Full PDB file with SEQRES, HELIX, SHEET, SSBOND, CRYST1, ORIGX, SCALE, CONECT and MASTER records, all heavy atoms in Angstrom:
SEQRES   1 A   35  ILE PRO GLU ALA GLY PRO PRO LYS GLU VAL ARG VAL ARG          
SEQRES   2 A   35  VAL GLY LYS ALA TYR SER ASP VAL SER ILE GLY ASP PRO          
SEQRES   3 A   35  ILE GLY LEU ASN ALA VAL LEU SER PRO                          
HELIX    1 AA1 LYS A   16  TYR A   18  5                                   3    
CRYST1    1.000    1.000    1.000  90.00  90.00  90.00 P 1           1          
ORIGX1      1.000000  0.000000  0.000000        0.00000                         
ORIGX2      0.000000  1.000000  0.000000        0.00000                         
ORIGX3      0.000000  0.000000  1.000000        0.00000                         
SCALE1      1.000000  0.000000  0.000000        0.00000                         
SCALE2      0.000000  1.000000  0.000000        0.00000                         
SCALE3      0.000000  0.000000  1.000000        0.00000                         
ATOM      1  N   ILE A   1      47.069  98.374 117.469  1.00  0.00           N  
ATOM      2  CA  ILE A   1      47.769  99.644 117.686  1.00  0.00           C  
ATOM      3  C   ILE A   1      48.483 100.052 116.367  1.00  0.00           C  
ATOM      4  O   ILE A   1      49.249  99.293 115.834  1.00  0.00           O  
ATOM      5  CB  ILE A   1      48.829  99.528 118.823  1.00  0.00           C  
ATOM      6  CG1 ILE A   1      48.099  99.178 120.109  1.00  0.00           C  
ATOM      7  CG2 ILE A   1      49.621 100.831 118.908  1.00  0.00           C  
ATOM      8  CD1 ILE A   1      49.044  99.001 121.295  1.00  0.00           C  
ATOM      9  N   PRO A   2      48.156 101.232 115.807  1.00  0.00           N  
ATOM     10  CA  PRO A   2      48.818 101.659 114.559  1.00  0.00           C  
ATOM     11  C   PRO A   2      50.304 101.805 114.713  1.00  0.00           C  
ATOM     12  O   PRO A   2      50.883 101.821 115.844  1.00  0.00           O  
ATOM     13  CB  PRO A   2      48.157 103.033 114.311  1.00  0.00           C  
ATOM     14  CG  PRO A   2      46.896 103.008 115.089  1.00  0.00           C  
ATOM     15  CD  PRO A   2      47.168 102.184 116.300  1.00  0.00           C  
ATOM     16  N   GLU A   3      51.030 101.832 113.608  1.00  0.00           N  
ATOM     17  CA  GLU A   3      52.477 101.889 113.595  1.00  0.00           C  
ATOM     18  C   GLU A   3      52.978 103.171 114.294  1.00  0.00           C  
ATOM     19  O   GLU A   3      54.005 103.193 114.944  1.00  0.00           O  
ATOM     20  CB  GLU A   3      53.010 101.893 112.161  1.00  0.00           C  
ATOM     21  CG  GLU A   3      52.739 100.525 111.458  1.00  0.00           C  
ATOM     22  CD  GLU A   3      53.230 100.552 110.032  1.00  0.00           C  
ATOM     23  OE1 GLU A   3      53.842 101.595 109.666  1.00  0.00           O  
ATOM     24  OE2 GLU A   3      53.036  99.554 109.321  1.00  0.00           O  
ATOM     25  N   ALA A   4      52.264 104.280 114.136  1.00  0.00           N  
ATOM     26  CA  ALA A   4      52.650 105.517 114.741  1.00  0.00           C  
ATOM     27  C   ALA A   4      52.361 105.608 116.227  1.00  0.00           C  
ATOM     28  O   ALA A   4      52.777 106.563 116.895  1.00  0.00           O  
ATOM     29  CB  ALA A   4      51.975 106.721 114.015  1.00  0.00           C  
ATOM     30  N   GLY A   5      51.698 104.584 116.770  1.00  0.00           N  
ATOM     31  CA  GLY A   5      51.314 104.608 118.169  1.00  0.00           C  
ATOM     32  C   GLY A   5      49.780 104.796 118.326  1.00  0.00           C  
ATOM     33  O   GLY A   5      49.104 105.153 117.388  1.00  0.00           O  
ATOM     34  N   PRO A   6      49.280 104.509 119.483  1.00  0.00           N  
ATOM     35  CA  PRO A   6      47.813 104.663 119.669  1.00  0.00           C  
ATOM     36  C   PRO A   6      47.334 106.111 119.503  1.00  0.00           C  
ATOM     37  O   PRO A   6      47.935 106.996 120.151  1.00  0.00           O  
ATOM     38  CB  PRO A   6      47.606 104.159 121.106  1.00  0.00           C  
ATOM     39  CG  PRO A   6      48.933 104.304 121.801  1.00  0.00           C  
ATOM     40  CD  PRO A   6      49.979 104.058 120.726  1.00  0.00           C  
ATOM     41  N   PRO A   7      46.382 106.357 118.697  1.00  0.00           N  
ATOM     42  CA  PRO A   7      45.895 107.750 118.572  1.00  0.00           C  
ATOM     43  C   PRO A   7      45.288 108.260 119.905  1.00  0.00           C  
ATOM     44  O   PRO A   7      44.551 107.550 120.534  1.00  0.00           O  
ATOM     45  CB  PRO A   7      44.877 107.634 117.457  1.00  0.00           C  
ATOM     46  CG  PRO A   7      44.416 106.202 117.459  1.00  0.00           C  
ATOM     47  CD  PRO A   7      45.594 105.431 117.883  1.00  0.00           C  
ATOM     48  N   LYS A   8      45.677 109.471 120.203  1.00  0.00           N  
ATOM     49  CA  LYS A   8      45.199 110.001 121.484  1.00  0.00           C  
ATOM     50  C   LYS A   8      43.798 110.543 121.408  1.00  0.00           C  
ATOM     51  O   LYS A   8      43.030 110.469 122.378  1.00  0.00           O  
ATOM     52  CB  LYS A   8      46.127 111.176 121.916  1.00  0.00           C  
ATOM     53  CG  LYS A   8      47.573 110.691 122.173  1.00  0.00           C  
ATOM     54  CD  LYS A   8      48.443 111.849 122.598  1.00  0.00           C  
ATOM     55  CE  LYS A   8      49.899 111.411 122.822  1.00  0.00           C  
ATOM     56  NZ  LYS A   8      50.759 112.557 123.197  1.00  0.00           N  
ATOM     57  N   GLU A   9      43.408 111.106 120.246  1.00  0.00           N  
ATOM     58  CA  GLU A   9      42.085 111.691 120.100  1.00  0.00           C  
ATOM     59  C   GLU A   9      41.622 111.602 118.659  1.00  0.00           C  
ATOM     60  O   GLU A   9      42.440 111.892 117.762  1.00  0.00           O  
ATOM     61  CB  GLU A   9      42.136 113.115 120.573  1.00  0.00           C  
ATOM     62  CG  GLU A   9      40.760 113.708 120.899  1.00  0.00           C  
ATOM     63  CD  GLU A   9      40.900 115.034 121.626  1.00  0.00           C  
ATOM     64  OE1 GLU A   9      41.365 115.047 122.795  1.00  0.00           O  
ATOM     65  OE2 GLU A   9      40.568 116.065 121.023  1.00  0.00           O  
ATOM     66  N   VAL A  10      40.383 111.216 118.410  1.00  0.00           N  
ATOM     67  CA  VAL A  10      39.904 111.059 117.029  1.00  0.00           C  
ATOM     68  C   VAL A  10      38.513 111.701 116.903  1.00  0.00           C  
ATOM     69  O   VAL A  10      37.836 111.907 117.898  1.00  0.00           O  
ATOM     70  CB  VAL A  10      39.843 109.543 116.589  1.00  0.00           C  
ATOM     71  CG1 VAL A  10      41.219 108.978 116.550  1.00  0.00           C  
ATOM     72  CG2 VAL A  10      38.928 108.802 117.586  1.00  0.00           C  
ATOM     73  N   ARG A  11      38.180 112.016 115.638  1.00  0.00           N  
ATOM     74  CA  ARG A  11      36.846 112.571 115.358  1.00  0.00           C  
ATOM     75  C   ARG A  11      36.126 111.512 114.521  1.00  0.00           C  
ATOM     76  O   ARG A  11      36.586 111.123 113.446  1.00  0.00           O  
ATOM     77  CB  ARG A  11      36.993 113.872 114.578  1.00  0.00           C  
ATOM     78  CG  ARG A  11      35.662 114.524 114.276  1.00  0.00           C  
ATOM     79  CD  ARG A  11      35.867 115.895 113.614  1.00  0.00           C  
ATOM     80  NE  ARG A  11      36.622 115.804 112.365  1.00  0.00           N  
ATOM     81  CZ  ARG A  11      37.534 116.667 112.010  1.00  0.00           C  
ATOM     82  NH1 ARG A  11      37.820 117.661 112.735  1.00  0.00           N  
ATOM     83  NH2 ARG A  11      38.219 116.483 110.862  1.00  0.00           N  
ATOM     84  N   VAL A  12      34.951 111.093 114.981  1.00  0.00           N  
ATOM     85  CA  VAL A  12      34.218 109.983 114.352  1.00  0.00           C  
ATOM     86  C   VAL A  12      32.812 110.448 114.026  1.00  0.00           C  
ATOM     87  O   VAL A  12      32.093 111.005 114.868  1.00  0.00           O  
ATOM     88  CB  VAL A  12      34.140 108.760 115.261  1.00  0.00           C  
ATOM     89  CG1 VAL A  12      33.437 107.593 114.587  1.00  0.00           C  
ATOM     90  CG2 VAL A  12      35.556 108.326 115.697  1.00  0.00           C  
ATOM     91  N   ARG A  13      32.430 110.246 112.744  1.00  0.00           N  
ATOM     92  CA  ARG A  13      31.060 110.513 112.310  1.00  0.00           C  
ATOM     93  C   ARG A  13      30.165 109.345 112.683  1.00  0.00           C  
ATOM     94  O   ARG A  13      30.501 108.226 112.394  1.00  0.00           O  
ATOM     95  CB  ARG A  13      30.998 110.770 110.832  1.00  0.00           C  
ATOM     96  CG  ARG A  13      31.829 111.950 110.351  1.00  0.00           C  
ATOM     97  CD  ARG A  13      31.548 112.257 108.891  1.00  0.00           C  
ATOM     98  NE  ARG A  13      31.787 111.125 108.014  1.00  0.00           N  
ATOM     99  CZ  ARG A  13      32.918 110.796 107.489  1.00  0.00           C  
ATOM    100  NH1 ARG A  13      33.994 111.473 107.762  1.00  0.00           N  
ATOM    101  NH2 ARG A  13      33.018 109.722 106.695  1.00  0.00           N  
ATOM    102  N   VAL A  14      29.036 109.635 113.279  1.00  0.00           N  
ATOM    103  CA  VAL A  14      28.083 108.641 113.703  1.00  0.00           C  
ATOM    104  C   VAL A  14      26.693 109.038 113.240  1.00  0.00           C  
ATOM    105  O   VAL A  14      26.445 110.190 112.920  1.00  0.00           O  
ATOM    106  CB  VAL A  14      28.073 108.383 115.222  1.00  0.00           C  
ATOM    107  CG1 VAL A  14      29.453 107.921 115.707  1.00  0.00           C  
ATOM    108  CG2 VAL A  14      27.687 109.685 115.946  1.00  0.00           C  
ATOM    109  N   GLY A  15      25.791 108.078 113.171  1.00  0.00           N  
ATOM    110  CA  GLY A  15      24.438 108.349 112.721  1.00  0.00           C  
ATOM    111  C   GLY A  15      23.584 108.951 113.838  1.00  0.00           C  
ATOM    112  O   GLY A  15      24.028 109.074 114.997  1.00  0.00           O  
ATOM    113  N   LYS A  16      22.371 109.297 113.485  1.00  0.00           N  
ATOM    114  CA  LYS A  16      21.421 109.833 114.468  1.00  0.00           C  
ATOM    115  C   LYS A  16      21.017 108.797 115.501  1.00  0.00           C  
ATOM    116  O   LYS A  16      20.454 109.122 116.540  1.00  0.00           O  
ATOM    117  CB  LYS A  16      20.235 110.401 113.766  1.00  0.00           C  
ATOM    118  CG  LYS A  16      20.531 111.639 112.893  1.00  0.00           C  
ATOM    119  CD  LYS A  16      21.094 112.767 113.689  1.00  0.00           C  
ATOM    120  CE  LYS A  16      21.372 114.014 112.813  1.00  0.00           C  
ATOM    121  NZ  LYS A  16      21.935 115.145 113.588  1.00  0.00           N  
ATOM    122  N   ALA A  17      21.335 107.517 115.194  1.00  0.00           N  
ATOM    123  CA  ALA A  17      21.011 106.447 116.138  1.00  0.00           C  
ATOM    124  C   ALA A  17      21.883 106.622 117.458  1.00  0.00           C  
ATOM    125  O   ALA A  17      21.572 105.981 118.471  1.00  0.00           O  
ATOM    126  CB  ALA A  17      21.275 105.069 115.568  1.00  0.00           C  
ATOM    127  N   TYR A  18      22.916 107.411 117.379  1.00  0.00           N  
ATOM    128  CA  TYR A  18      23.796 107.664 118.527  1.00  0.00           C  
ATOM    129  C   TYR A  18      23.304 108.914 119.296  1.00  0.00           C  
ATOM    130  O   TYR A  18      24.122 109.536 120.009  1.00  0.00           O  
ATOM    131  CB  TYR A  18      25.238 107.857 118.070  1.00  0.00           C  
ATOM    132  CG  TYR A  18      25.908 106.612 117.553  1.00  0.00           C  
ATOM    133  CD1 TYR A  18      25.568 106.074 116.352  1.00  0.00           C  
ATOM    134  CD2 TYR A  18      26.880 105.954 118.304  1.00  0.00           C  
ATOM    135  CE1 TYR A  18      26.182 104.910 115.849  1.00  0.00           C  
ATOM    136  CE2 TYR A  18      27.511 104.838 117.837  1.00  0.00           C  
ATOM    137  CZ  TYR A  18      27.139 104.294 116.637  1.00  0.00           C  
ATOM    138  OH  TYR A  18      27.778 103.198 116.168  1.00  0.00           O  
ATOM    139  N   SER A  19      22.072 109.232 119.199  1.00  0.00           N  
ATOM    140  CA  SER A  19      21.519 110.425 119.847  1.00  0.00           C  
ATOM    141  C   SER A  19      21.589 110.327 121.355  1.00  0.00           C  
ATOM    142  O   SER A  19      21.468 111.331 122.042  1.00  0.00           O  
ATOM    143  CB  SER A  19      20.107 110.719 119.386  1.00  0.00           C  
ATOM    144  OG  SER A  19      19.298 109.625 119.642  1.00  0.00           O  
ATOM    145  N   ASP A  20      21.698 109.111 121.883  1.00  0.00           N  
ATOM    146  CA  ASP A  20      21.735 108.921 123.341  1.00  0.00           C  
ATOM    147  C   ASP A  20      23.109 109.200 123.914  1.00  0.00           C  
ATOM    148  O   ASP A  20      23.285 109.286 125.115  1.00  0.00           O  
ATOM    149  CB  ASP A  20      21.368 107.518 123.683  1.00  0.00           C  
ATOM    150  CG  ASP A  20      22.295 106.474 123.080  1.00  0.00           C  
ATOM    151  OD1 ASP A  20      22.594 106.607 121.886  1.00  0.00           O  
ATOM    152  OD2 ASP A  20      22.712 105.556 123.820  1.00  0.00           O  
ATOM    153  N   VAL A  21      24.124 109.434 123.035  1.00  0.00           N  
ATOM    154  CA  VAL A  21      25.486 109.682 123.499  1.00  0.00           C  
ATOM    155  C   VAL A  21      25.624 111.169 123.856  1.00  0.00           C  
ATOM    156  O   VAL A  21      25.235 112.054 123.122  1.00  0.00           O  
ATOM    157  CB  VAL A  21      26.536 109.281 122.416  1.00  0.00           C  
ATOM    158  CG1 VAL A  21      27.927 109.638 122.901  1.00  0.00           C  
ATOM    159  CG2 VAL A  21      26.402 107.801 122.092  1.00  0.00           C  
ATOM    160  N   SER A  22      26.223 111.435 125.005  1.00  0.00           N  
ATOM    161  CA  SER A  22      26.457 112.793 125.444  1.00  0.00           C  
ATOM    162  C   SER A  22      27.875 112.980 125.940  1.00  0.00           C  
ATOM    163  O   SER A  22      28.586 111.957 126.125  1.00  0.00           O  
ATOM    164  CB  SER A  22      25.448 113.237 126.507  1.00  0.00           C  
ATOM    165  OG  SER A  22      25.533 112.346 127.625  1.00  0.00           O  
ATOM    166  N   ILE A  23      28.285 114.215 126.145  1.00  0.00           N  
ATOM    167  CA  ILE A  23      29.658 114.462 126.604  1.00  0.00           C  
ATOM    168  C   ILE A  23      29.843 113.811 127.959  1.00  0.00           C  
ATOM    169  O   ILE A  23      29.035 113.929 128.871  1.00  0.00           O  
ATOM    170  CB  ILE A  23      29.889 115.969 126.707  1.00  0.00           C  
ATOM    171  CG1 ILE A  23      29.852 116.619 125.272  1.00  0.00           C  
ATOM    172  CG2 ILE A  23      31.245 116.318 127.325  1.00  0.00           C  
ATOM    173  CD1 ILE A  23      30.038 118.112 125.305  1.00  0.00           C  
ATOM    174  N   GLY A  24      31.011 113.116 128.096  1.00  0.00           N  
ATOM    175  CA  GLY A  24      31.329 112.434 129.327  1.00  0.00           C  
ATOM    176  C   GLY A  24      31.005 110.958 129.347  1.00  0.00           C  
ATOM    177  O   GLY A  24      31.394 110.229 130.278  1.00  0.00           O  
ATOM    178  N   ASP A  25      30.311 110.459 128.304  1.00  0.00           N  
ATOM    179  CA  ASP A  25      29.929 109.050 128.235  1.00  0.00           C  
ATOM    180  C   ASP A  25      31.138 108.214 127.772  1.00  0.00           C  
ATOM    181  O   ASP A  25      31.869 108.600 126.853  1.00  0.00           O  
ATOM    182  CB  ASP A  25      28.767 108.845 127.291  1.00  0.00           C  
ATOM    183  CG  ASP A  25      27.444 109.363 127.833  1.00  0.00           C  
ATOM    184  OD1 ASP A  25      27.465 109.656 129.061  1.00  0.00           O  
ATOM    185  OD2 ASP A  25      26.527 109.476 127.041  1.00  0.00           O  
ATOM    186  N   PRO A  26      31.330 106.995 128.374  1.00  0.00           N  
ATOM    187  CA  PRO A  26      32.284 106.107 127.807  1.00  0.00           C  
ATOM    188  C   PRO A  26      31.673 105.452 126.579  1.00  0.00           C  
ATOM    189  O   PRO A  26      30.445 105.237 126.468  1.00  0.00           O  
ATOM    190  CB  PRO A  26      32.484 105.069 128.908  1.00  0.00           C  
ATOM    191  CG  PRO A  26      31.213 105.095 129.674  1.00  0.00           C  
ATOM    192  CD  PRO A  26      30.673 106.510 129.610  1.00  0.00           C  
ATOM    193  N   ILE A  27      32.499 105.130 125.592  1.00  0.00           N  
ATOM    194  CA  ILE A  27      31.962 104.592 124.328  1.00  0.00           C  
ATOM    195  C   ILE A  27      32.969 103.603 123.751  1.00  0.00           C  
ATOM    196  O   ILE A  27      34.192 103.767 123.866  1.00  0.00           O  
ATOM    197  CB  ILE A  27      31.633 105.692 123.322  1.00  0.00           C  
ATOM    198  CG1 ILE A  27      30.839 105.189 122.156  1.00  0.00           C  
ATOM    199  CG2 ILE A  27      32.905 106.417 122.856  1.00  0.00           C  
ATOM    200  CD1 ILE A  27      30.260 106.257 121.269  1.00  0.00           C  
ATOM    201  N   GLY A  28      32.462 102.566 123.092  1.00  0.00           N  
ATOM    202  CA  GLY A  28      33.286 101.593 122.360  1.00  0.00           C  
ATOM    203  C   GLY A  28      32.801 101.554 120.951  1.00  0.00           C  
ATOM    204  O   GLY A  28      31.617 101.417 120.688  1.00  0.00           O  
ATOM    205  N   LEU A  29      33.738 101.660 120.004  1.00  0.00           N  
ATOM    206  CA  LEU A  29      33.342 101.707 118.569  1.00  0.00           C  
ATOM    207  C   LEU A  29      34.331 100.889 117.736  1.00  0.00           C  
ATOM    208  O   LEU A  29      35.506 100.816 118.026  1.00  0.00           O  
ATOM    209  CB  LEU A  29      33.428 103.157 118.062  1.00  0.00           C  
ATOM    210  CG  LEU A  29      32.385 104.194 118.553  1.00  0.00           C  
ATOM    211  CD1 LEU A  29      32.728 105.556 117.998  1.00  0.00           C  
ATOM    212  CD2 LEU A  29      30.990 103.784 118.156  1.00  0.00           C  
ATOM    213  N   ASN A  30      33.752 100.272 116.717  1.00  0.00           N  
ATOM    214  CA  ASN A  30      34.536  99.779 115.572  1.00  0.00           C  
ATOM    215  C   ASN A  30      34.388 100.855 114.496  1.00  0.00           C  
ATOM    216  O   ASN A  30      33.277 101.134 114.065  1.00  0.00           O  
ATOM    217  CB  ASN A  30      34.012  98.407 115.094  1.00  0.00           C  
ATOM    218  CG  ASN A  30      34.258  97.331 116.144  1.00  0.00           C  
ATOM    219  OD1 ASN A  30      35.357  97.196 116.662  1.00  0.00           O  
ATOM    220  ND2 ASN A  30      33.218  96.594 116.478  1.00  0.00           N  
ATOM    221  N   ALA A  31      35.498 101.379 114.042  1.00  0.00           N  
ATOM    222  CA  ALA A  31      35.431 102.502 113.089  1.00  0.00           C  
ATOM    223  C   ALA A  31      36.500 102.406 112.067  1.00  0.00           C  
ATOM    224  O   ALA A  31      37.559 101.751 112.262  1.00  0.00           O  
ATOM    225  CB  ALA A  31      35.554 103.824 113.836  1.00  0.00           C  
ATOM    226  N   VAL A  32      36.289 103.045 110.932  1.00  0.00           N  
ATOM    227  CA  VAL A  32      37.290 103.192 109.859  1.00  0.00           C  
ATOM    228  C   VAL A  32      37.807 104.609 109.985  1.00  0.00           C  
ATOM    229  O   VAL A  32      37.078 105.569 109.842  1.00  0.00           O  
ATOM    230  CB  VAL A  32      36.656 102.935 108.469  1.00  0.00           C  
ATOM    231  CG1 VAL A  32      37.700 103.241 107.413  1.00  0.00           C  
ATOM    232  CG2 VAL A  32      36.189 101.518 108.355  1.00  0.00           C  
ATOM    233  N   LEU A  33      39.114 104.704 110.252  1.00  0.00           N  
ATOM    234  CA  LEU A  33      39.746 106.007 110.467  1.00  0.00           C  
ATOM    235  C   LEU A  33      40.806 106.249 109.393  1.00  0.00           C  
ATOM    236  O   LEU A  33      41.496 105.354 108.944  1.00  0.00           O  
ATOM    237  CB  LEU A  33      40.362 106.079 111.828  1.00  0.00           C  
ATOM    238  CG  LEU A  33      39.393 105.946 113.048  1.00  0.00           C  
ATOM    239  CD1 LEU A  33      40.223 105.956 114.339  1.00  0.00           C  
ATOM    240  CD2 LEU A  33      38.370 107.056 113.031  1.00  0.00           C  
ATOM    241  N   SER A  34      40.922 107.522 108.993  1.00  0.00           N  
ATOM    242  CA  SER A  34      41.833 107.948 107.970  1.00  0.00           C  
ATOM    243  C   SER A  34      42.646 109.130 108.471  1.00  0.00           C  
ATOM    244  O   SER A  34      42.272 109.820 109.401  1.00  0.00           O  
ATOM    245  CB  SER A  34      41.089 108.353 106.685  1.00  0.00           C  
ATOM    246  OG  SER A  34      40.247 107.327 106.248  1.00  0.00           O  
ATOM    247  N   PRO A  35      43.817 109.370 107.851  1.00  0.00           N  
ATOM    248  CA  PRO A  35      44.588 110.591 108.176  1.00  0.00           C  
ATOM    249  C   PRO A  35      43.731 111.808 107.828  1.00  0.00           C  
ATOM    250  O   PRO A  35      42.879 111.783 106.932  1.00  0.00           O  
ATOM    251  CB  PRO A  35      45.805 110.496 107.267  1.00  0.00           C  
ATOM    252  CG  PRO A  35      45.899 109.086 106.873  1.00  0.00           C  
ATOM    253  CD  PRO A  35      44.523 108.537 106.851  1.00  0.00           C  
TER     254      PRO A  35                                                      
MASTER        0    0    0    1    0    0    0    6  253    1    0    3          
END                                                                             
């Protein structure tokens, strides 16, 4: 959990390999996030 608290919503760039993901799907990711 970041110092500012858990982020409520994030924008993540993914590759075309994630073409099976659609709106409403649950997803788990390891990601590098920046301000």
